[in-house]
Protein backbone atom coordinates (compact mmCIF):
# COMPACT_ATOMS: atom_id res chain seq x y z
CA MET A 1 -13.43 3.24 -13.63
CA THR A 2 -13.26 -0.14 -15.32
CA ASP A 3 -11.72 -3.28 -13.88
CA ASN A 4 -9.01 -3.29 -16.52
CA ALA A 5 -8.13 0.39 -16.10
CA ARG A 6 -4.46 0.75 -15.42
CA LEU A 7 -2.18 3.60 -14.37
CA GLU A 8 1.41 3.72 -15.57
CA LEU A 9 3.99 6.25 -14.40
CA ARG A 10 7.16 6.52 -16.41
CA PRO A 11 10.07 8.90 -16.86
CA ALA A 12 9.54 11.32 -19.72
CA THR A 13 11.58 10.68 -22.86
CA PRO A 14 12.60 13.02 -25.68
CA ASP A 15 9.60 11.70 -27.63
CA ASP A 16 7.32 13.22 -24.95
CA VAL A 17 8.32 16.86 -25.56
CA GLY A 18 5.21 17.60 -27.64
CA LEU A 19 2.94 15.89 -25.13
CA LEU A 20 4.55 17.77 -22.24
CA LEU A 21 4.08 21.07 -24.04
CA ASP A 22 0.39 20.24 -24.56
CA LEU A 23 0.00 19.41 -20.86
CA ILE A 24 1.86 22.58 -19.85
CA LYS A 25 -0.52 24.63 -22.00
CA GLU A 26 -3.51 22.90 -20.37
CA LEU A 27 -2.03 23.69 -16.96
CA ALA A 28 -1.53 27.34 -17.94
CA ILE A 29 -5.19 27.55 -18.98
CA TYR A 30 -6.26 25.98 -15.68
CA GLU A 31 -4.11 28.50 -13.79
CA LYS A 32 -5.71 31.33 -15.80
CA GLU A 33 -2.46 32.39 -17.49
CA PRO A 34 -2.41 30.78 -20.95
CA GLU A 35 -0.28 33.61 -22.36
CA SER A 36 2.47 32.88 -19.83
CA ALA A 37 3.29 29.40 -21.19
CA LYS A 38 6.09 30.28 -23.60
CA ALA A 39 8.21 27.14 -23.55
CA THR A 40 9.21 25.86 -26.98
CA PRO A 41 10.03 22.30 -27.99
CA GLU A 42 13.70 23.26 -28.21
CA LEU A 43 13.79 24.85 -24.75
CA LEU A 44 11.92 21.97 -23.12
CA HIS A 45 14.12 19.40 -24.83
CA ALA A 46 17.28 21.18 -23.67
CA GLY A 47 15.98 21.53 -20.12
CA LEU A 48 14.97 17.89 -19.78
CA PHE A 49 17.25 15.97 -22.15
CA GLY A 50 20.04 18.28 -23.28
CA GLU A 51 23.74 18.19 -22.48
CA SER A 52 23.16 19.55 -18.97
CA PRO A 53 19.52 18.81 -18.04
CA THR A 54 18.11 21.01 -15.29
CA ALA A 55 14.83 19.19 -14.67
CA GLU A 56 13.10 15.82 -14.94
CA ALA A 57 9.53 14.80 -15.66
CA VAL A 58 7.27 11.84 -14.98
CA VAL A 59 4.37 11.09 -17.33
CA ALA A 60 1.16 9.45 -16.12
CA GLU A 61 -0.86 7.31 -18.52
CA TRP A 62 -4.27 5.80 -17.82
CA ASP A 63 -5.01 2.82 -20.05
CA GLY A 64 -2.34 4.07 -22.46
CA GLU A 65 -3.75 7.61 -22.67
CA ALA A 66 -1.71 10.57 -21.44
CA ALA A 67 -3.33 11.69 -18.18
CA GLY A 68 -0.86 14.07 -16.54
CA PHE A 69 2.68 14.84 -15.55
CA ALA A 70 4.96 16.05 -12.80
CA LEU A 71 8.05 18.16 -13.53
CA PHE A 72 10.71 18.58 -10.85
CA PHE A 73 14.32 19.47 -10.14
CA HIS A 74 16.76 19.36 -7.25
CA ASN A 75 17.66 22.25 -5.01
CA TYR A 76 19.83 22.30 -1.90
CA SER A 77 19.12 23.12 1.73
CA THR A 78 21.98 24.71 3.61
CA TRP A 79 20.10 24.05 6.85
CA THR A 80 19.73 20.30 6.34
CA GLY A 81 22.93 19.92 4.33
CA LYS A 82 21.00 17.76 1.89
CA PRO A 83 19.48 18.13 -1.55
CA GLY A 84 15.79 18.78 -1.84
CA LEU A 85 13.29 17.96 -4.54
CA TYR A 86 11.28 20.89 -5.88
CA LEU A 87 8.02 20.05 -7.63
CA GLU A 88 7.60 22.72 -10.30
CA ASP A 89 4.36 21.42 -11.81
CA LEU A 90 1.90 18.63 -11.15
CA PHE A 91 -1.06 18.43 -13.50
CA VAL A 92 -3.78 15.89 -14.25
CA ARG A 93 -6.12 16.43 -17.16
CA GLU A 94 -9.65 17.31 -16.09
CA SER A 95 -11.10 14.20 -17.75
CA GLN A 96 -8.70 12.01 -15.75
CA ARG A 97 -9.17 13.53 -12.29
CA GLY A 98 -10.58 11.52 -9.41
CA ARG A 99 -8.65 8.36 -10.27
CA GLY A 100 -5.75 8.84 -7.86
CA ILE A 101 -3.35 9.94 -10.60
CA GLY A 102 -2.24 13.12 -8.82
CA LYS A 103 -1.58 11.20 -5.62
CA ALA A 104 0.36 8.54 -7.53
CA LEU A 105 2.52 11.23 -9.16
CA LEU A 106 3.20 12.90 -5.82
CA LEU A 107 4.05 9.56 -4.20
CA GLU A 108 6.42 8.75 -7.07
CA LEU A 109 8.26 12.02 -6.48
CA ALA A 110 8.30 11.43 -2.72
CA ARG A 111 9.93 8.04 -3.35
CA LYS A 112 12.51 9.66 -5.62
CA ALA A 113 13.22 12.29 -2.95
CA ARG A 114 13.67 9.63 -0.28
CA ASP A 115 15.77 7.36 -2.50
CA ARG A 116 18.02 10.26 -3.55
CA GLY A 117 18.68 11.30 0.04
CA CYS A 118 16.66 14.50 -0.07
CA GLY A 119 15.90 16.22 3.19
CA ARG A 120 12.60 17.62 1.96
CA MET A 121 10.25 18.17 -0.93
CA ASP A 122 8.79 21.61 -1.67
CA TRP A 123 6.34 23.20 -4.09
CA SER A 124 4.13 26.26 -4.42
CA VAL A 125 0.39 26.39 -4.92
CA LEU A 126 -1.76 29.32 -5.96
CA ASP A 127 -3.79 30.78 -3.08
CA TRP A 128 -7.08 30.38 -4.97
CA ASN A 129 -6.50 26.72 -5.87
CA ARG A 130 -8.53 25.20 -3.01
CA PRO A 131 -8.78 21.72 -4.60
CA ALA A 132 -4.98 21.49 -4.79
CA ILE A 133 -4.50 22.90 -1.29
CA GLU A 134 -6.98 20.41 0.17
CA PHE A 135 -5.35 17.57 -1.79
CA TYR A 136 -1.85 18.43 -0.55
CA GLU A 137 -3.00 18.86 3.04
CA SER A 138 -4.82 15.51 2.90
CA LEU A 139 -1.43 13.93 2.22
CA GLY A 140 0.19 15.59 5.22
CA ALA A 141 1.82 18.56 3.49
CA GLN A 142 1.92 21.76 5.50
CA PRO A 143 1.88 25.34 4.17
CA GLN A 144 4.98 27.34 5.01
CA SER A 145 3.82 30.53 6.66
CA GLY A 146 6.11 33.48 7.11
CA TRP A 147 7.66 33.20 3.65
CA THR A 148 6.97 35.35 0.62
CA VAL A 149 8.04 34.13 -2.80
CA TYR A 150 10.04 36.64 -4.85
CA ARG A 151 10.88 36.47 -8.53
CA LEU A 152 13.03 38.27 -11.05
CA ASP A 153 11.55 37.44 -14.46
CA GLU A 154 13.64 37.49 -17.63
CA ALA A 155 13.07 41.22 -18.27
CA ALA A 156 13.91 42.12 -14.66
CA LEU A 157 17.07 40.02 -14.81
CA GLU A 158 18.14 41.85 -17.94
CA ARG A 159 17.48 45.25 -16.33
CA LEU A 160 19.38 44.21 -13.23
CA VAL A 161 22.52 42.94 -14.92
CA GLY A 162 22.33 45.07 -18.06
């Protein structure tokens, strides 16, 4: 780390769609599922910047170089009666790790959650991803035992509703 090294966090813009897709592909490789990353520029643009955006993203740059991102959206807790912030993805490029970028991204989202009146912030982590689990726990996050995540993928949705 050099003395003039500098971290910048900024909201993603439409010009970042290609960069975000590259980072998503790198994340999919890290998570050992490169074939599962099927987002297209059009889909990502619509989801983040279209007429009715469903998610937001923050881009991290280290000395002007893209270093990582966090993608999130709001959900709602009937128990708290407040919105929540759901972190879908947090990723820092391997070459940029160890500089506090992941922590800075998580803190940025925590600030957004607090400032937007959210009652909580949630995310999922793969069971085998010990570095991420240890990182999250070092920040005070607690695993939620007693819950199993379920999913209907696109094909299952189609079968269900016909």
